C-alpha atoms as a PDB file:
ATOM      1  CA  UNK A   1       0.000   0.000   0.000  1.00  0.00           C
ATOM      2  CA  UNK A   2       1.558   3.350  -1.031  1.00  0.00           C
ATOM      3  CA  UNK A   3       2.047   6.009   1.620  1.00  0.00           C
ATOM      4  CA  UNK A   4      -0.358   8.642   0.289  1.00  0.00           C
ATOM      5  CA  UNK A   5       0.602  12.217   1.140  1.00  0.00           C
ATOM      6  CA  UNK A   6      -1.892  14.632  -0.432  1.00  0.00           C
ATOM      7  CA  UNK A   7      -1.137  18.327  -0.862  1.00  0.00           C
ATOM      8  CA  UNK A   8      -3.342  19.209   2.114  1.00  0.00           C
ATOM      9  CA  UNK A   9      -1.453  16.786   4.368  1.00  0.00           C
ATOM     10  CA  UNK A  10      -2.309  13.538   6.076  1.00  0.00           C
ATOM     11  CA  UNK A  11      -5.937  12.724   6.746  1.00  0.00           C
ATOM     12  CA  UNK A  12      -7.144  14.376   9.971  1.00  0.00           C
ATOM     13  CA  UNK A  13      -9.282  12.757  12.625  1.00  0.00           C
ATOM     14  CA  UNK A  14     -12.463  13.997  14.205  1.00  0.00           C
ATOM     15  CA  UNK A  15     -10.572  15.528  17.117  1.00  0.00           C
ATOM     16  CA  UNK A  16      -8.092  17.669  15.200  1.00  0.00           C
ATOM     17  CA  UNK A  17      -9.546  18.477  11.774  1.00  0.00           C
ATOM     18  CA  UNK A  18     -10.675  22.005  12.805  1.00  0.00           C
ATOM     19  CA  UNK A  19      -7.086  22.937  13.639  1.00  0.00           C
ATOM     20  CA  UNK A  20      -5.688  21.803  10.299  1.00  0.00           C
ATOM     21  CA  UNK A  21      -5.304  25.146   8.519  1.00  0.00           C
ATOM     22  CA  UNK A  22      -2.999  25.131   5.512  1.00  0.00           C
ATOM     23  CA  UNK A  23      -0.542  27.990   6.030  1.00  0.00           C
ATOM     24  CA  UNK A  24       1.955  27.049   3.331  1.00  0.00           C
ATOM     25  CA  UNK A  25       4.021  30.228   2.654  1.00  0.00           C
ATOM     26  CA  UNK A  26       3.853  29.924  -1.139  1.00  0.00           C
ATOM     27  CA  UNK A  27       0.061  29.533  -1.028  1.00  0.00           C
ATOM     28  CA  UNK A  28      -0.416  32.513   1.283  1.00  0.00           C
ATOM     29  CA  UNK A  29       1.918  34.598  -0.891  1.00  0.00           C
ATOM     30  CA  UNK A  30      -0.099  33.715  -3.998  1.00  0.00           C
ATOM     31  CA  UNK A  31      -3.334  34.710  -2.270  1.00  0.00           C
ATOM     32  CA  UNK A  32      -1.827  38.007  -1.091  1.00  0.00           C
ATOM     33  CA  UNK A  33      -0.696  38.725  -4.652  1.00  0.00           C
ATOM     34  CA  UNK A  34      -4.198  37.906  -5.875  1.00  0.00           C
ATOM     35  CA  UNK A  35      -5.748  40.268  -3.315  1.00  0.00           C
ATOM     36  CA  UNK A  36      -3.290  43.018  -4.285  1.00  0.00           C
ATOM     37  CA  UNK A  37      -4.124  42.521  -7.961  1.00  0.00           C
ATOM     38  CA  UNK A  38      -7.828  42.943  -7.191  1.00  0.00           C
ATOM     39  CA  UNK A  39      -7.054  46.259  -5.490  1.00  0.00           C
ATOM     40  CA  UNK A  40      -4.657  47.530  -8.158  1.00  0.00           C
ATOM     41  CA  UNK A  41      -6.912  46.612 -11.088  1.00  0.00           C
ATOM     42  CA  UNK A  42     -10.235  47.287  -9.401  1.00  0.00           C
ATOM     43  CA  UNK A  43     -11.241  49.581 -12.269  1.00  0.00           C
ATOM     44  CA  UNK A  44     -10.802  46.769 -14.803  1.00  0.00           C
ATOM     45  CA  UNK A  45     -12.260  43.906 -12.800  1.00  0.00           C
ATOM     46  CA  UNK A  46     -15.646  43.133 -11.393  1.00  0.00           C
ATOM     47  CA  UNK A  47     -14.480  43.510  -7.813  1.00  0.00           C
ATOM     48  CA  UNK A  48     -17.317  41.654  -6.074  1.00  0.00           C
ATOM     49  CA  UNK A  49     -16.850  38.558  -8.213  1.00  0.00           C
ATOM     50  CA  UNK A  50     -13.058  38.712  -7.872  1.00  0.00           C
ATOM     51  CA  UNK A  51     -13.380  39.001  -4.103  1.00  0.00           C
ATOM     52  CA  UNK A  52     -15.789  36.070  -4.146  1.00  0.00           C
ATOM     53  CA  UNK A  53     -13.247  33.996  -6.078  1.00  0.00           C
ATOM     54  CA  UNK A  54     -10.585  34.892  -3.491  1.00  0.00           C
ATOM     55  CA  UNK A  55     -12.900  33.799  -0.672  1.00  0.00           C
ATOM     56  CA  UNK A  56     -13.545  30.470  -2.407  1.00  0.00           C
ATOM     57  CA  UNK A  57      -9.793  29.921  -2.803  1.00  0.00           C
ATOM     58  CA  UNK A  58      -9.211  30.584   0.901  1.00  0.00           C
ATOM     59  CA  UNK A  59     -11.983  28.167   1.843  1.00  0.00           C
ATOM     60  CA  UNK A  60     -10.759  25.410  -0.473  1.00  0.00           C
ATOM     61  CA  UNK A  61      -7.026  25.602   0.157  1.00  0.00           C
ATOM     62  CA  UNK A  62      -6.413  27.355   3.496  1.00  0.00           C
ATOM     63  CA  UNK A  63      -9.293  26.355   5.749  1.00  0.00           C
ATOM     64  CA  UNK A  64      -9.566  22.899   7.404  1.00  0.00           C
ATOM     65  CA  UNK A  65     -11.820  21.898   4.507  1.00  0.00           C
ATOM     66  CA  UNK A  66      -8.604  21.297   2.564  1.00  0.00           C
ATOM     67  CA  UNK A  67      -7.374  18.681   5.045  1.00  0.00           C
ATOM     68  CA  UNK A  68     -10.801  17.034   5.239  1.00  0.00           C
ATOM     69  CA  UNK A  69     -10.400  16.163   1.579  1.00  0.00           C
ATOM     70  CA  UNK A  70      -7.437  13.984   2.505  1.00  0.00           C
ATOM     71  CA  UNK A  71      -9.735  11.886   4.686  1.00  0.00           C
ATOM     72  CA  UNK A  72     -13.003  11.735   2.764  1.00  0.00           C
ATOM     73  CA  UNK A  73     -13.618  11.307  -0.947  1.00  0.00           C
ATOM     74  CA  UNK A  74     -16.990  12.961  -0.354  1.00  0.00           C
ATOM     75  CA  UNK A  75     -15.224  16.196   0.584  1.00  0.00           C
ATOM     76  CA  UNK A  76     -12.970  15.905  -2.461  1.00  0.00           C
ATOM     77  CA  UNK A  77     -16.052  15.672  -4.703  1.00  0.00           C
ATOM     78  CA  UNK A  78     -17.597  18.747  -3.066  1.00  0.00           C
ATOM     79  CA  UNK A  79     -14.251  20.513  -3.549  1.00  0.00           C
ATOM     80  CA  UNK A  80     -14.165  19.690  -7.261  1.00  0.00           C
ATOM     81  CA  UNK A  81     -17.803  20.658  -7.810  1.00  0.00           C
ATOM     82  CA  UNK A  82     -17.051  24.031  -6.215  1.00  0.00           C
ATOM     83  CA  UNK A  83     -14.127  24.471  -8.607  1.00  0.00           C
ATOM     84  CA  UNK A  84     -16.263  23.852 -11.688  1.00  0.00           C
ATOM     85  CA  UNK A  85     -19.610  25.298 -10.623  1.00  0.00           C
ATOM     86  CA  UNK A  86     -18.618  28.228  -8.366  1.00  0.00           C
ATOM     87  CA  UNK A  87     -14.991  29.287  -8.739  1.00  0.00           C
ATOM     88  CA  UNK A  88     -14.948  29.011 -12.539  1.00  0.00           C
ATOM     89  CA  UNK A  89     -18.004  31.251 -13.184  1.00  0.00           C
ATOM     90  CA  UNK A  90     -16.715  33.764 -10.620  1.00  0.00           C
ATOM     91  CA  UNK A  91     -13.425  33.920 -12.542  1.00  0.00           C
ATOM     92  CA  UNK A  92     -15.321  34.402 -15.804  1.00  0.00           C
ATOM     93  CA  UNK A  93     -17.359  37.242 -14.334  1.00  0.00           C
ATOM     94  CA  UNK A  94     -14.408  38.874 -12.554  1.00  0.00           C
ATOM     95  CA  UNK A  95     -12.139  38.893 -15.618  1.00  0.00           C
ATOM     96  CA  UNK A  96     -14.960  39.487 -18.130  1.00  0.00           C
ATOM     97  CA  UNK A  97     -13.870  36.382 -20.027  1.00  0.00           C
ATOM     98  CA  UNK A  98     -17.262  36.196 -21.686  1.00  0.00           C
ATOM     99  CA  UNK A  99     -16.221  39.233 -23.763  1.00  0.00           C
ATOM    100  CA  UNK A 100     -13.293  37.350 -25.323  1.00  0.00           C
ATOM    101  CA  UNK A 101     -13.443  35.329 -28.518  1.00  0.00           C
ATOM    102  CA  UNK A 102     -12.436  31.796 -27.585  1.00  0.00           C
ATOM    103  CA  UNK A 103     -11.832  29.158 -30.238  1.00  0.00           C
ATOM    104  CA  UNK A 104     -13.893  26.013 -30.441  1.00  0.00           C
ATOM    105  CA  UNK A 105     -17.639  25.521 -30.367  1.00  0.00           C
ATOM    106  CA  UNK A 106     -19.731  25.227 -27.222  1.00  0.00           C
ATOM    107  CA  UNK A 107     -20.353  21.573 -28.081  1.00  0.00           C
ATOM    108  CA  UNK A 108     -16.624  20.878 -28.182  1.00  0.00           C
ATOM    109  CA  UNK A 109     -16.017  22.608 -24.859  1.00  0.00           C
ATOM    110  CA  UNK A 110     -18.983  20.821 -23.298  1.00  0.00           C
ATOM    111  CA  UNK A 111     -17.364  17.513 -24.226  1.00  0.00           C
ATOM    112  CA  UNK A 112     -13.944  18.664 -22.962  1.00  0.00           C
ATOM    113  CA  UNK A 113     -15.473  19.916 -19.710  1.00  0.00           C
ATOM    114  CA  UNK A 114     -17.208  16.593 -19.035  1.00  0.00           C
ATOM    115  CA  UNK A 115     -14.207  14.545 -20.138  1.00  0.00           C
ATOM    116  CA  UNK A 116     -11.795  16.426 -17.884  1.00  0.00           C
ATOM    117  CA  UNK A 117     -14.041  15.869 -14.865  1.00  0.00           C
ATOM    118  CA  UNK A 118     -14.407  12.169 -15.631  1.00  0.00           C
ATOM    119  CA  UNK A 119     -10.696  11.792 -16.353  1.00  0.00           C
ATOM    120  CA  UNK A 120      -9.499  13.346 -13.101  1.00  0.00           C
ATOM    121  CA  UNK A 121     -11.860  11.086 -11.163  1.00  0.00           C
ATOM    122  CA  UNK A 122     -10.640   7.928 -12.844  1.00  0.00           C
ATOM    123  CA  UNK A 123      -8.746   6.097 -10.086  1.00  0.00           C
ATOM    124  CA  UNK A 124      -5.227   6.277 -11.646  1.00  0.00           C
ATOM    125  CA  UNK A 125      -5.414  10.046 -12.238  1.00  0.00           C
ATOM    126  CA  UNK A 126      -7.057  10.689  -8.894  1.00  0.00           C
ATOM    127  CA  UNK A 127      -4.359   8.679  -7.131  1.00  0.00           C
ATOM    128  CA  UNK A 128      -1.690  10.697  -8.939  1.00  0.00           C
ATOM    129  CA  UNK A 129      -3.285  13.934  -7.731  1.00  0.00           C
ATOM    130  CA  UNK A 130      -3.392  12.610  -4.177  1.00  0.00           C
ATOM    131  CA  UNK A 131       0.280  11.686  -4.145  1.00  0.00           C
ATOM    132  CA  UNK A 132       1.951  14.492  -6.129  1.00  0.00           C
ATOM    133  CA  UNK A 133       1.693  18.237  -5.565  1.00  0.00           C
ATOM    134  CA  UNK A 134       2.363  18.855  -9.256  1.00  0.00           C
ATOM    135  CA  UNK A 135      -0.453  16.509 -10.292  1.00  0.00           C
ATOM    136  CA  UNK A 136      -2.730  18.022  -7.639  1.00  0.00           C
ATOM    137  CA  UNK A 137      -2.283  21.546  -8.970  1.00  0.00           C
ATOM    138  CA  UNK A 138      -2.581  20.328 -12.550  1.00  0.00           C
ATOM    139  CA  UNK A 139      -5.941  18.851 -11.555  1.00  0.00           C
ATOM    140  CA  UNK A 140      -7.072  22.082  -9.874  1.00  0.00           C
ATOM    141  CA  UNK A 141      -5.962  24.291 -12.773  1.00  0.00           C
ATOM    142  CA  UNK A 142      -7.421  22.105 -15.520  1.00  0.00           C
ATOM    143  CA  UNK A 143     -10.819  21.570 -13.862  1.00  0.00           C
ATOM    144  CA  UNK A 144     -11.156  25.296 -13.115  1.00  0.00           C
ATOM    145  CA  UNK A 145      -9.682  26.546 -16.390  1.00  0.00           C
ATOM    146  CA  UNK A 146     -11.707  24.268 -18.652  1.00  0.00           C
ATOM    147  CA  UNK A 147     -14.872  24.987 -16.693  1.00  0.00           C
ATOM    148  CA  UNK A 148     -14.200  28.743 -16.960  1.00  0.00           C
ATOM    149  CA  UNK A 149     -13.889  28.504 -20.745  1.00  0.00           C
ATOM    150  CA  UNK A 150     -17.096  26.451 -20.838  1.00  0.00           C
ATOM    151  CA  UNK A 151     -18.990  29.053 -18.768  1.00  0.00           C
ATOM    152  CA  UNK A 152     -17.608  31.870 -20.950  1.00  0.00           C
ATOM    153  CA  UNK A 153     -18.793  30.081 -24.094  1.00  0.00           C
ATOM    154  CA  UNK A 154     -22.126  29.315 -22.442  1.00  0.00           C
ATOM    155  CA  UNK A 155     -22.816  32.978 -21.674  1.00  0.00           C
ATOM    156  CA  UNK A 156     -22.213  33.988 -25.300  1.00  0.00           C
ATOM    157  CA  UNK A 157     -24.222  31.155 -26.858  1.00  0.00           C
ATOM    158  CA  UNK A 158     -27.843  31.421 -28.058  1.00  0.00           C
ATOM    159  CA  UNK A 159     -30.305  30.306 -25.415  1.00  0.00           C
ATOM    160  CA  UNK A 160     -31.279  26.942 -27.000  1.00  0.00           C
ATOM    161  CA  UNK A 161     -27.632  25.883 -27.480  1.00  0.00           C
ATOM    162  CA  UNK A 162     -26.695  27.067 -23.986  1.00  0.00           C
ATOM    163  CA  UNK A 163     -29.587  25.159 -22.409  1.00  0.00           C
ATOM    164  CA  UNK A 164     -28.679  21.969 -24.290  1.00  0.00           C
ATOM    165  CA  UNK A 165     -25.032  22.306 -23.218  1.00  0.00           C
ATOM    166  CA  UNK A 166     -26.082  22.769 -19.580  1.00  0.00           C
ATOM    167  CA  UNK A 167     -28.346  19.721 -19.725  1.00  0.00           C
ATOM    168  CA  UNK A 168     -25.618  17.648 -21.399  1.00  0.00           C
ATOM    169  CA  UNK A 169     -23.224  18.601 -18.611  1.00  0.00           C
ATOM    170  CA  UNK A 170     -25.876  17.706 -16.042  1.00  0.00           C
ATOM    171  CA  UNK A 171     -26.209  14.255 -17.615  1.00  0.00           C
ATOM    172  CA  UNK A 172     -22.426  13.727 -17.676  1.00  0.00           C
ATOM    173  CA  UNK A 173     -22.109  14.670 -13.997  1.00  0.00           C
ATOM    174  CA  UNK A 174     -25.134  12.566 -13.110  1.00  0.00           C
ATOM    175  CA  UNK A 175     -23.751   9.495 -14.859  1.00  0.00           C
ATOM    176  CA  UNK A 176     -20.460   9.759 -13.001  1.00  0.00           C
ATOM    177  CA  UNK A 177     -22.351  10.249  -9.744  1.00  0.00           C
ATOM    178  CA  UNK A 178     -24.521   7.206 -10.451  1.00  0.00           C
ATOM    179  CA  UNK A 179     -21.459   5.103 -11.253  1.00  0.00           C
ATOM    180  CA  UNK A 180     -19.945   5.986  -7.888  1.00  0.00           C
ATOM    181  CA  UNK A 181     -23.203   5.659  -5.964  1.00  0.00           C
ATOM    182  CA  UNK A 182     -24.070   2.193  -7.267  1.00  0.00           C
ATOM    183  CA  UNK A 183     -20.557   0.750  -7.292  1.00  0.00           C
ATOM    184  CA  UNK A 184     -20.097  -2.509  -5.423  1.00  0.00           C
ATOM    185  CA  UNK A 185     -16.506  -1.754  -4.377  1.00  0.00           C
ATOM    186  CA  UNK A 186     -14.417   1.221  -3.376  1.00  0.00           C
ATOM    187  CA  UNK A 187     -12.299   2.506  -6.267  1.00  0.00           C
ATOM    188  CA  UNK A 188     -10.064   5.082  -4.565  1.00  0.00           C
ATOM    189  CA  UNK A 189      -7.051   3.625  -2.768  1.00  0.00           C
ATOM    190  CA  UNK A 190      -6.026   6.917  -1.064  1.00  0.00           C
ATOM    191  CA  UNK A 191      -9.207   6.675   1.034  1.00  0.00           C
ATOM    192  CA  UNK A 192      -9.186   2.976   1.864  1.00  0.00           C
ATOM    193  CA  UNK A 193      -7.658   3.663   5.288  1.00  0.00           C
ATOM    194  CA  UNK A 194      -8.867   7.220   5.994  1.00  0.00           C
ATOM    195  CA  UNK A 195     -12.658   7.032   6.281  1.00  0.00           C
ATOM    196  CA  UNK A 196     -13.117   4.669   9.205  1.00  0.00           C
ATOM    197  CA  UNK A 197     -12.399   7.356  11.793  1.00  0.00           C
ATOM    198  CA  UNK A 198     -15.358   9.278  10.416  1.00  0.00           C
ATOM    199  CA  UNK A 199     -17.765   6.352  10.797  1.00  0.00           C
ATOM    200  CA  UNK A 200     -17.779   5.440   7.105  1.00  0.00           C
ATOM    201  CA  UNK A 201     -16.384   2.555   5.144  1.00  0.00           C
ATOM    202  CA  UNK A 202     -14.489   3.506   1.958  1.00  0.00           C
ATOM    203  CA  UNK A 203     -17.425   2.236  -0.107  1.00  0.00           C
ATOM    204  CA  UNK A 204     -19.968   4.247   1.897  1.00  0.00           C
ATOM    205  CA  UNK A 205     -17.814   7.353   1.512  1.00  0.00           C
ATOM    206  CA  UNK A 206     -17.634   6.803  -2.246  1.00  0.00           C
ATOM    207  CA  UNK A 207     -21.376   6.177  -2.504  1.00  0.00           C
ATOM    208  CA  UNK A 208     -22.142   9.358  -0.561  1.00  0.00           C
ATOM    209  CA  UNK A 209     -19.831  11.263  -2.898  1.00  0.00           C
ATOM    210  CA  UNK A 210     -21.690   9.795  -5.859  1.00  0.00           C
ATOM    211  CA  UNK A 211     -25.058  10.866  -4.463  1.00  0.00           C
ATOM    212  CA  UNK A 212     -23.755  14.414  -3.973  1.00  0.00           C
ATOM    213  CA  UNK A 213     -22.480  14.552  -7.554  1.00  0.00           C
ATOM    214  CA  UNK A 214     -25.633  12.919  -8.896  1.00  0.00           C
ATOM    215  CA  UNK A 215     -28.093  15.209  -7.082  1.00  0.00           C
ATOM    216  CA  UNK A 216     -26.863  18.664  -5.951  1.00  0.00           C
ATOM    217  CA  UNK A 217     -23.870  18.588  -8.301  1.00  0.00           C
ATOM    218  CA  UNK A 218     -26.046  17.967 -11.347  1.00  0.00           C
ATOM    219  CA  UNK A 219     -28.717  20.342 -10.058  1.00  0.00           C
ATOM    220  CA  UNK A 220     -26.395  23.311 -10.646  1.00  0.00           C
ATOM    221  CA  UNK A 221     -26.459  22.676 -14.394  1.00  0.00           C
ATOM    222  CA  UNK A 222     -30.195  22.023 -14.463  1.00  0.00           C
ATOM    223  CA  UNK A 223     -30.791  25.358 -12.750  1.00  0.00           C
ATOM    224  CA  UNK A 224     -28.461  27.030 -15.250  1.00  0.00           C
ATOM    225  CA  UNK A 225     -30.479  25.580 -18.129  1.00  0.00           C
ATOM    226  CA  UNK A 226     -33.768  26.686 -16.580  1.00  0.00           C
ATOM    227  CA  UNK A 227     -32.405  30.181 -15.897  1.00  0.00           C
ATOM    228  CA  UNK A 228     -31.222  30.486 -19.503  1.00  0.00           C
ATOM    229  CA  UNK A 229     -34.601  29.422 -20.897  1.00  0.00           C
ATOM    230  CA  UNK A 230     -36.535  31.619 -18.469  1.00  0.00           C
ATOM    231  CA  UNK A 231     -34.425  34.619 -19.388  1.00  0.00           C
ATOM    232  CA  UNK A 232     -34.839  33.940 -23.103  1.00  0.00           C
ATOM    233  CA  UNK A 233     -38.615  33.576 -22.799  1.00  0.00           C
ATOM    234  CA  UNK A 234     -38.760  36.709 -20.650  1.00  0.00           C
ATOM    235  CA  UNK A 235     -36.926  38.732 -23.256  1.00  0.00           C
ATOM    236  CA  UNK A 236     -39.251  37.534 -26.028  1.00  0.00           C
ATOM    237  CA  UNK A 237     -42.444  38.011 -24.066  1.00  0.00           C
ATOM    238  CA  UNK A 238     -44.545  41.029 -25.209  1.00  0.00           C
ATOM    239  CA  UNK A 239     -44.757  43.984 -22.858  1.00  0.00           C
END
């Protein structure tokens, strides 16, 4: 059994998880630089969205939530959903990425978005991210970056195409969630020995993660599709 050492450190227990803040100097320096950039370029950015993105980064990587992801796959799934469904659109809004011309069709980026999420949660790639800082940050950057491009393309697309892309993403997330929820064995070796202290078997932890991805995770994209259609119908409605 490999000695897994995730970026956020060894898996905490119930008695010490709340004290497990990640105060890595390079991470704190990067966040300070980010905060300074928001202040310096406040006239060019959407400051509220940029500040929201900074808050999400602090929660994900500095707070004890980061260490909890070393113990529970469920927390890791919540973490990754927040990257794709919260941090990415905040980045798009803050940097006005929706105003840029980005190559590739929405359909292509919808496929890439879904594929990247599935790929990073395939056991070999997930294990690499849980045992290598470089792989971990590659995972974080690719999930967030690809999702940001997808959201930017979504905002610019006609309402019918945007709604279809949102629903397709919902289906892709739901299928992965269902696969995890109905699995008969635990797939993720980094969590085989870390869940018991939290009253869960590795399989139960994985199934709970699948339910979260299948229901609330997919719901984000359903709501996006409904909001797009509602807005389109509202614009067309006679006054």
